Amino acid sequence: MTDSFPTADRNRVRRRSQRGNYNRETVHAILDEARVCHVGFSVDEQPYVIPTIHVRMGDALYLHGSAANRMMTTLAAGGRACVTVTLIDGLVLARSAFHHSMEYRSAIVFGTARAVTDHDEKLQALEHIVERWIRSAFSRLRSSLGT
């Protein structure tokens, strides 16, 4: 396994390409820090983008959702997906609204999904999701209490 993800026309940053980073550790850190992902998929040539929660385990990205919803049934059938996460680090304010900007980190993941049918794998992914959200909630609670 290399330290960076391969680039191709589909995933190469074009505008301000020097800001693009394909380093595996950097991409994983962004995916791990993001609380919500947006999943893009298509049904009958109609594109949809649905927010959901996710967890990364190794190079695999697990999405949480009901097995009966349109997104999951489409993806479980081998549908292609585009998953995007964004972390907003700050706002850059200028005298002119035209020059305002935003500092952010984002990751876009392309792939073909599969249903998780193995009981142990499903349980492990669910445990990671629950642990991640509970740890996050307790961290916010501690911060609000000043401890």
N, C-alpha and C. Protein backbone atom coordinates (compact mmCIF):
# COMPACT_ATOMS: atom_id res chain seq x y z
N MET A 1 0.84 -1.17 0.00
CA MET A 1 0.00 0.00 0.00
C MET A 1 0.90 1.24 0.00
N THR A 2 0.57 2.20 -0.86
CA THR A 2 1.38 3.41 -0.93
C THR A 2 0.88 4.43 0.09
N ASP A 3 1.69 5.47 0.31
CA ASP A 3 1.32 6.53 1.24
C ASP A 3 0.27 7.47 0.68
N SER A 4 0.05 7.44 -0.63
CA SER A 4 -0.91 8.33 -1.27
C SER A 4 -1.90 7.54 -2.12
N PHE A 5 -3.10 8.11 -2.26
CA PHE A 5 -4.08 7.52 -3.15
C PHE A 5 -3.72 7.88 -4.58
N PRO A 6 -3.99 6.99 -5.52
CA PRO A 6 -3.69 7.30 -6.93
C PRO A 6 -4.59 8.43 -7.43
N THR A 7 -4.09 9.21 -8.37
CA THR A 7 -4.90 10.28 -8.96
C THR A 7 -5.24 9.92 -10.39
N ALA A 8 -6.39 10.44 -10.81
CA ALA A 8 -6.87 10.26 -12.17
C ALA A 8 -7.71 11.49 -12.50
N ASP A 9 -8.20 11.59 -13.72
CA ASP A 9 -9.02 12.74 -14.09
C ASP A 9 -10.19 12.92 -13.15
N ARG A 10 -10.76 11.85 -12.68
CA ARG A 10 -11.96 11.90 -11.85
C ARG A 10 -11.71 12.53 -10.49
N ASN A 11 -10.53 12.35 -9.91
CA ASN A 11 -10.31 12.83 -8.55
C ASN A 11 -9.21 13.90 -8.44
N ARG A 12 -8.66 14.33 -9.53
CA ARG A 12 -7.58 15.31 -9.48
C ARG A 12 -8.15 16.72 -9.26
N VAL A 13 -7.59 17.45 -8.30
CA VAL A 13 -7.98 18.84 -8.06
C VAL A 13 -7.50 19.67 -9.24
N ARG A 14 -8.39 20.46 -9.80
CA ARG A 14 -8.03 21.25 -10.97
C ARG A 14 -7.75 22.71 -10.62
N ARG A 15 -8.67 23.36 -9.94
CA ARG A 15 -8.47 24.77 -9.58
C ARG A 15 -7.63 24.81 -8.31
N ARG A 16 -6.55 25.57 -8.36
CA ARG A 16 -5.59 25.64 -7.24
C ARG A 16 -5.12 24.24 -6.85
N SER A 17 -4.66 23.52 -7.86
CA SER A 17 -4.28 22.12 -7.68
C SER A 17 -3.19 21.92 -6.63
N GLN A 18 -2.40 22.95 -6.35
CA GLN A 18 -1.35 22.82 -5.33
C GLN A 18 -1.95 22.60 -3.94
N ARG A 19 -3.23 22.91 -3.78
CA ARG A 19 -3.88 22.70 -2.48
C ARG A 19 -4.38 21.28 -2.31
N GLY A 20 -4.43 20.52 -3.38
CA GLY A 20 -4.90 19.14 -3.30
C GLY A 20 -3.89 18.27 -2.57
N ASN A 21 -4.38 17.33 -1.81
CA ASN A 21 -3.52 16.44 -1.05
C ASN A 21 -4.10 15.03 -1.14
N TYR A 22 -3.34 14.11 -1.64
CA TYR A 22 -3.80 12.74 -1.83
C TYR A 22 -3.16 11.78 -0.84
N ASN A 23 -2.46 12.35 0.15
CA ASN A 23 -1.79 11.56 1.17
C ASN A 23 -2.82 10.77 1.98
N ARG A 24 -2.63 9.49 2.10
CA ARG A 24 -3.57 8.59 2.78
C ARG A 24 -3.82 9.05 4.22
N GLU A 25 -2.78 9.40 4.95
CA GLU A 25 -2.93 9.83 6.35
C GLU A 25 -3.77 11.10 6.45
N THR A 26 -3.56 12.05 5.55
CA THR A 26 -4.33 13.30 5.55
C THR A 26 -5.79 13.05 5.25
N VAL A 27 -6.05 12.25 4.21
CA VAL A 27 -7.44 11.94 3.83
C VAL A 27 -8.14 11.19 4.96
N HIS A 28 -7.47 10.22 5.56
CA HIS A 28 -8.06 9.47 6.66
C HIS A 28 -8.37 10.39 7.84
N ALA A 29 -7.49 11.31 8.15
CA ALA A 29 -7.72 12.24 9.27
C ALA A 29 -8.97 13.09 9.03
N ILE A 30 -9.17 13.54 7.81
CA ILE A 30 -10.35 14.34 7.48
C ILE A 30 -11.62 13.48 7.61
N LEU A 31 -11.58 12.28 7.06
CA LEU A 31 -12.74 11.39 7.17
C LEU A 31 -13.05 11.06 8.63
N ASP A 32 -12.02 10.87 9.44
CA ASP A 32 -12.21 10.52 10.84
C ASP A 32 -12.76 11.68 11.66
N GLU A 33 -12.38 12.89 11.32
CA GLU A 33 -12.83 14.05 12.09
C GLU A 33 -14.24 14.49 11.72
N ALA A 34 -14.63 14.30 10.49
CA ALA A 34 -15.95 14.76 10.02
C ALA A 34 -17.07 13.99 10.71
N ARG A 35 -18.09 14.71 11.10
CA ARG A 35 -19.23 14.09 11.77
C ARG A 35 -20.28 13.60 10.79
N VAL A 36 -20.41 14.27 9.67
CA VAL A 36 -21.44 13.95 8.68
C VAL A 36 -20.79 13.84 7.32
N CYS A 37 -21.28 12.91 6.53
CA CYS A 37 -20.86 12.82 5.14
C CYS A 37 -22.09 13.00 4.26
N HIS A 38 -21.88 13.40 3.04
CA HIS A 38 -22.96 13.51 2.06
C HIS A 38 -22.69 12.48 0.98
N VAL A 39 -23.67 11.63 0.74
CA VAL A 39 -23.52 10.53 -0.19
C VAL A 39 -24.27 10.85 -1.47
N GLY A 40 -23.55 10.90 -2.57
CA GLY A 40 -24.14 11.13 -3.88
C GLY A 40 -24.32 9.80 -4.60
N PHE A 41 -25.50 9.61 -5.17
CA PHE A 41 -25.79 8.41 -5.95
C PHE A 41 -26.89 8.76 -6.95
N SER A 42 -27.15 7.86 -7.86
CA SER A 42 -28.12 8.13 -8.91
C SER A 42 -29.11 6.98 -9.03
N VAL A 43 -30.38 7.35 -9.20
CA VAL A 43 -31.44 6.36 -9.44
C VAL A 43 -32.19 6.81 -10.69
N ASP A 44 -32.22 5.97 -11.69
CA ASP A 44 -32.90 6.29 -12.96
C ASP A 44 -32.44 7.64 -13.50
N GLU A 45 -31.14 7.86 -13.49
CA GLU A 45 -30.51 9.08 -13.99
C GLU A 45 -30.87 10.33 -13.20
N GLN A 46 -31.50 10.17 -12.05
CA GLN A 46 -31.79 11.29 -11.15
C GLN A 46 -30.76 11.27 -10.02
N PRO A 47 -29.91 12.30 -9.93
CA PRO A 47 -28.91 12.32 -8.84
C PRO A 47 -29.55 12.73 -7.50
N TYR A 48 -29.04 12.14 -6.43
CA TYR A 48 -29.46 12.46 -5.07
C TYR A 48 -28.20 12.64 -4.23
N VAL A 49 -28.30 13.48 -3.21
CA VAL A 49 -27.23 13.63 -2.23
C VAL A 49 -27.89 13.61 -0.86
N ILE A 50 -27.51 12.63 -0.05
CA ILE A 50 -28.14 12.42 1.25
C ILE A 50 -27.09 12.52 2.35
N PRO A 51 -27.37 13.31 3.41
CA PRO A 51 -26.43 13.33 4.54
C PRO A 51 -26.63 12.09 5.41
N THR A 52 -25.54 11.57 5.93
CA THR A 52 -25.61 10.44 6.84
C THR A 52 -24.34 10.42 7.68
N ILE A 53 -24.24 9.46 8.57
CA ILE A 53 -23.02 9.32 9.35
C ILE A 53 -22.21 8.16 8.80
N HIS A 54 -20.95 8.18 9.11
CA HIS A 54 -20.01 7.21 8.54
C HIS A 54 -18.93 6.87 9.56
N VAL A 55 -18.20 5.84 9.26
CA VAL A 55 -17.00 5.52 10.03
C VAL A 55 -16.01 4.89 9.06
N ARG A 56 -14.74 5.20 9.25
CA ARG A 56 -13.68 4.62 8.43
C ARG A 56 -12.99 3.55 9.23
N MET A 57 -12.80 2.41 8.60
CA MET A 57 -12.03 1.32 9.20
C MET A 57 -11.05 0.88 8.14
N GLY A 58 -9.77 1.21 8.35
CA GLY A 58 -8.77 0.97 7.31
C GLY A 58 -9.08 1.85 6.11
N ASP A 59 -9.08 1.27 4.93
CA ASP A 59 -9.43 2.03 3.73
C ASP A 59 -10.91 1.91 3.39
N ALA A 60 -11.67 1.21 4.22
CA ALA A 60 -13.10 1.04 3.96
C ALA A 60 -13.89 2.13 4.68
N LEU A 61 -14.91 2.63 4.01
CA LEU A 61 -15.79 3.64 4.58
C LEU A 61 -17.16 3.00 4.73
N TYR A 62 -17.67 2.97 5.96
CA TYR A 62 -18.97 2.37 6.25
C TYR A 62 -19.99 3.48 6.44
N LEU A 63 -21.13 3.33 5.80
CA LEU A 63 -22.21 4.31 5.90
C LEU A 63 -23.31 3.73 6.78
N HIS A 64 -23.94 4.58 7.57
CA HIS A 64 -25.02 4.13 8.43
C HIS A 64 -26.36 4.50 7.80
N GLY A 65 -27.27 3.57 7.85
CA GLY A 65 -28.60 3.84 7.33
C GLY A 65 -29.44 2.59 7.31
N SER A 66 -30.73 2.78 7.12
CA SER A 66 -31.64 1.64 7.04
C SER A 66 -31.41 0.88 5.75
N ALA A 67 -31.39 -0.43 5.86
CA ALA A 67 -31.19 -1.26 4.68
C ALA A 67 -32.33 -1.09 3.68
N ALA A 68 -33.45 -0.53 4.12
CA ALA A 68 -34.61 -0.39 3.25
C ALA A 68 -34.69 0.98 2.56
N ASN A 69 -33.80 1.91 2.91
CA ASN A 69 -33.93 3.23 2.27
C ASN A 69 -33.34 3.23 0.86
N ARG A 70 -33.76 4.20 0.07
CA ARG A 70 -33.38 4.24 -1.35
C ARG A 70 -31.87 4.29 -1.53
N MET A 71 -31.18 5.07 -0.70
CA MET A 71 -29.73 5.17 -0.84
C MET A 71 -29.07 3.81 -0.63
N MET A 72 -29.43 3.15 0.47
CA MET A 72 -28.79 1.88 0.80
C MET A 72 -29.15 0.78 -0.19
N THR A 73 -30.40 0.73 -0.64
CA THR A 73 -30.76 -0.32 -1.60
C THR A 73 -30.05 -0.11 -2.93
N THR A 74 -29.91 1.15 -3.33
CA THR A 74 -29.21 1.45 -4.58
C THR A 74 -27.74 1.08 -4.47
N LEU A 75 -27.11 1.46 -3.37
CA LEU A 75 -25.70 1.18 -3.19
C LEU A 75 -25.43 -0.31 -2.99
N ALA A 76 -26.33 -0.98 -2.25
CA ALA A 76 -26.15 -2.42 -2.01
C ALA A 76 -26.24 -3.22 -3.31
N ALA A 77 -26.94 -2.66 -4.29
CA ALA A 77 -27.06 -3.34 -5.59
C ALA A 77 -25.85 -3.08 -6.48
N GLY A 78 -24.82 -2.45 -5.92
CA GLY A 78 -23.60 -2.19 -6.69
C GLY A 78 -23.55 -0.81 -7.30
N GLY A 79 -24.42 0.08 -6.81
CA GLY A 79 -24.44 1.45 -7.32
C GLY A 79 -23.16 2.19 -6.98
N ARG A 80 -22.77 3.07 -7.88
CA ARG A 80 -21.58 3.89 -7.64
C ARG A 80 -21.94 5.05 -6.73
N ALA A 81 -21.00 5.43 -5.90
CA ALA A 81 -21.24 6.49 -4.93
C ALA A 81 -20.11 7.50 -4.94
N CYS A 82 -20.45 8.69 -4.52
CA CYS A 82 -19.49 9.75 -4.26
C CYS A 82 -19.80 10.24 -2.85
N VAL A 83 -18.84 10.09 -1.94
CA VAL A 83 -19.03 10.50 -0.55
C VAL A 83 -18.13 11.70 -0.28
N THR A 84 -18.72 12.75 0.27
CA THR A 84 -17.97 13.98 0.52
C THR A 84 -18.10 14.38 1.98
N VAL A 85 -16.99 14.78 2.58
CA VAL A 85 -17.00 15.37 3.91
C VAL A 85 -16.26 16.71 3.83
N THR A 86 -16.70 17.64 4.66
CA THR A 86 -16.08 18.97 4.70
C THR A 86 -15.92 19.40 6.14
N LEU A 87 -14.76 19.92 6.47
CA LEU A 87 -14.48 20.49 7.78
C LEU A 87 -14.19 21.97 7.60
N ILE A 88 -14.98 22.82 8.21
CA ILE A 88 -14.77 24.26 8.09
C ILE A 88 -13.84 24.69 9.21
N ASP A 89 -12.69 25.23 8.81
CA ASP A 89 -11.67 25.63 9.78
C ASP A 89 -11.75 27.11 10.14
N GLY A 90 -12.33 27.92 9.27
CA GLY A 90 -12.43 29.34 9.59
C GLY A 90 -12.99 30.14 8.43
N LEU A 91 -13.40 31.34 8.76
CA LEU A 91 -13.89 32.28 7.76
C LEU A 91 -12.85 33.37 7.57
N VAL A 92 -12.68 33.78 6.34
CA VAL A 92 -11.77 34.87 6.02
C VAL A 92 -12.66 36.03 5.57
N LEU A 93 -12.70 37.07 6.39
CA LEU A 93 -13.57 38.20 6.10
C LEU A 93 -12.74 39.35 5.53
N ALA A 94 -13.30 40.00 4.54
CA ALA A 94 -12.61 41.10 3.88
C ALA A 94 -13.52 42.33 3.90
N ARG A 95 -13.01 43.44 3.44
CA ARG A 95 -13.84 44.65 3.37
C ARG A 95 -14.99 44.49 2.39
N SER A 96 -14.74 43.76 1.34
CA SER A 96 -15.76 43.52 0.31
C SER A 96 -16.28 42.10 0.43
N ALA A 97 -17.61 41.95 0.38
CA ALA A 97 -18.19 40.62 0.47
C ALA A 97 -17.68 39.72 -0.65
N PHE A 98 -17.33 40.31 -1.78
CA PHE A 98 -16.82 39.54 -2.92
C PHE A 98 -15.51 38.83 -2.57
N HIS A 99 -14.77 39.37 -1.60
CA HIS A 99 -13.47 38.80 -1.25
C HIS A 99 -13.51 37.94 0.02
N HIS A 100 -14.70 37.75 0.60
CA HIS A 100 -14.80 36.82 1.73
C HIS A 100 -14.43 35.42 1.25
N SER A 101 -13.96 34.63 2.15
CA SER A 101 -13.58 33.27 1.78
C SER A 101 -13.77 32.35 2.98
N MET A 102 -13.48 31.09 2.79
CA MET A 102 -13.62 30.11 3.84
C MET A 102 -12.41 29.18 3.79
N GLU A 103 -11.90 28.87 4.95
CA GLU A 103 -10.82 27.90 5.05
C GLU A 103 -11.44 26.56 5.42
N TYR A 104 -11.16 25.55 4.63
CA TYR A 104 -11.76 24.25 4.88
C TYR A 104 -10.85 23.14 4.40
N ARG A 105 -11.14 21.95 4.93
CA ARG A 105 -10.51 20.72 4.44
C ARG A 105 -11.66 19.81 4.02
N SER A 106 -11.45 19.10 2.94
CA SER A 106 -12.51 18.19 2.49
C SER A 106 -11.89 16.95 1.87
N ALA A 107 -12.70 15.93 1.81
CA ALA A 107 -12.29 14.70 1.15
C ALA A 107 -13.47 14.19 0.34
N ILE A 108 -13.17 13.73 -0.84
CA ILE A 108 -14.18 13.14 -1.71
C ILE A 108 -13.73 11.72 -1.99
N VAL A 109 -14.63 10.77 -1.74
CA VAL A 109 -14.33 9.36 -1.92
C VAL A 109 -15.25 8.81 -3.00
N PHE A 110 -14.68 8.19 -4.01
CA PHE A 110 -15.44 7.56 -5.08
C PHE A 110 -15.37 6.05 -4.90
N GLY A 111 -16.45 5.37 -5.18
CA GLY A 111 -16.38 3.92 -5.09
C GLY A 111 -17.69 3.24 -5.43
N THR A 112 -17.60 1.94 -5.43
CA THR A 112 -18.78 1.10 -5.60
C THR A 112 -19.04 0.44 -4.26
N ALA A 113 -20.25 0.59 -3.80
CA ALA A 113 -20.60 0.08 -2.47
C ALA A 113 -20.96 -1.40 -2.53
N ARG A 114 -21.01 -1.98 -1.35
CA ARG A 114 -21.50 -3.34 -1.19
C ARG A 114 -22.24 -3.41 0.13
N ALA A 115 -23.21 -4.29 0.20
CA ALA A 115 -23.93 -4.50 1.45
C ALA A 115 -23.03 -5.26 2.42
N VAL A 116 -23.08 -4.89 3.68
CA VAL A 116 -22.35 -5.62 4.71
C VAL A 116 -23.29 -6.69 5.22
N THR A 117 -22.99 -7.93 4.89
CA THR A 117 -23.86 -9.04 5.27
C THR A 117 -23.26 -9.91 6.37
N ASP A 118 -21.95 -9.86 6.53
CA ASP A 118 -21.29 -10.64 7.57
C ASP A 118 -21.63 -10.05 8.94
N HIS A 119 -22.17 -10.86 9.82
CA HIS A 119 -22.63 -10.40 11.14
C HIS A 119 -21.50 -9.72 11.92
N ASP A 120 -20.32 -10.33 11.97
CA ASP A 120 -19.21 -9.77 12.75
C ASP A 120 -18.72 -8.45 12.18
N GLU A 121 -18.65 -8.36 10.85
CA GLU A 121 -18.22 -7.11 10.22
C GLU A 121 -19.25 -6.01 10.49
N LYS A 122 -20.52 -6.34 10.39
CA LYS A 122 -21.59 -5.37 10.64
C LYS A 122 -21.54 -4.89 12.09
N LEU A 123 -21.35 -5.81 13.01
CA LEU A 123 -21.27 -5.46 14.43
C LEU A 123 -20.06 -4.57 14.71
N GLN A 124 -18.93 -4.90 14.10
CA GLN A 124 -17.72 -4.10 14.30
C GLN A 124 -17.92 -2.67 13.78
N ALA A 125 -18.51 -2.53 12.61
CA ALA A 125 -18.76 -1.20 12.04
C ALA A 125 -19.72 -0.42 12.93
N LEU A 126 -20.78 -1.06 13.38
CA LEU A 126 -21.75 -0.39 14.24
C LEU A 126 -21.11 0.03 15.57
N GLU A 127 -20.28 -0.84 16.14
CA GLU A 127 -19.58 -0.49 17.38
C GLU A 127 -18.69 0.73 17.18
N HIS A 128 -17.99 0.79 16.04
CA HIS A 128 -17.13 1.95 15.75
C HIS A 128 -17.96 3.22 15.63
N ILE A 129 -19.10 3.14 14.96
CA ILE A 129 -19.96 4.32 14.80
C ILE A 129 -20.48 4.78 16.16
N VAL A 130 -20.99 3.86 16.96
CA VAL A 130 -21.53 4.22 18.27
C VAL A 130 -20.43 4.80 19.16
N GLU A 131 -19.28 4.14 19.20
CA GLU A 131 -18.16 4.63 20.02
C GLU A 131 -17.75 6.04 19.60
N ARG A 132 -17.70 6.25 18.31
CA ARG A 132 -17.28 7.55 17.78
C ARG A 132 -18.25 8.65 18.21
N TRP A 133 -19.54 8.38 18.12
CA TRP A 133 -20.53 9.40 18.47
C TRP A 133 -20.62 9.60 19.97
N ILE A 134 -20.50 8.54 20.76
CA ILE A 134 -20.56 8.69 22.21
C ILE A 134 -19.33 9.45 22.70
N ARG A 135 -18.14 9.08 22.19
CA ARG A 135 -16.91 9.78 22.56
C ARG A 135 -17.02 11.26 22.23
N SER A 136 -17.57 11.56 21.06
CA SER A 136 -17.74 12.95 20.62
C SER A 136 -18.70 13.69 21.55
N ALA A 137 -19.81 13.05 21.93
CA ALA A 137 -20.79 13.69 22.80
C ALA A 137 -20.20 13.97 24.17
N PHE A 138 -19.47 13.00 24.73
CA PHE A 138 -18.85 13.20 26.03
C PHE A 138 -17.77 14.28 25.98
N SER A 139 -17.05 14.34 24.91
CA SER A 139 -16.02 15.37 24.75
C SER A 139 -16.65 16.76 24.74
N ARG A 140 -17.75 16.92 24.02
CA ARG A 140 -18.45 18.21 23.99
C ARG A 140 -19.01 18.54 25.35
N LEU A 141 -19.54 17.54 26.06
CA LEU A 141 -20.08 17.76 27.40
C LEU A 141 -18.98 18.22 28.36
N ARG A 142 -17.82 17.54 28.30
CA ARG A 142 -16.69 17.93 29.15
C ARG A 142 -16.26 19.36 28.86
N SER A 143 -16.21 19.72 27.58
CA SER A 143 -15.81 21.08 27.21
C SER A 143 -16.79 22.11 27.74
N SER A 144 -18.07 21.80 27.67
CA SER A 144 -19.07 22.77 28.13
C SER A 144 -19.03 22.92 29.66
N LEU A 145 -18.56 21.90 30.36
CA LEU A 145 -18.45 21.97 31.82
C LEU A 145 -17.11 22.52 32.27
N GLY A 146 -16.21 22.72 31.31
CA GLY A 146 -14.90 23.26 31.63
C GLY A 146 -13.96 22.26 32.28
N THR A 147 -14.19 20.96 32.03
CA THR A 147 -13.32 19.95 32.64
C THR A 147 -12.44 19.31 31.61
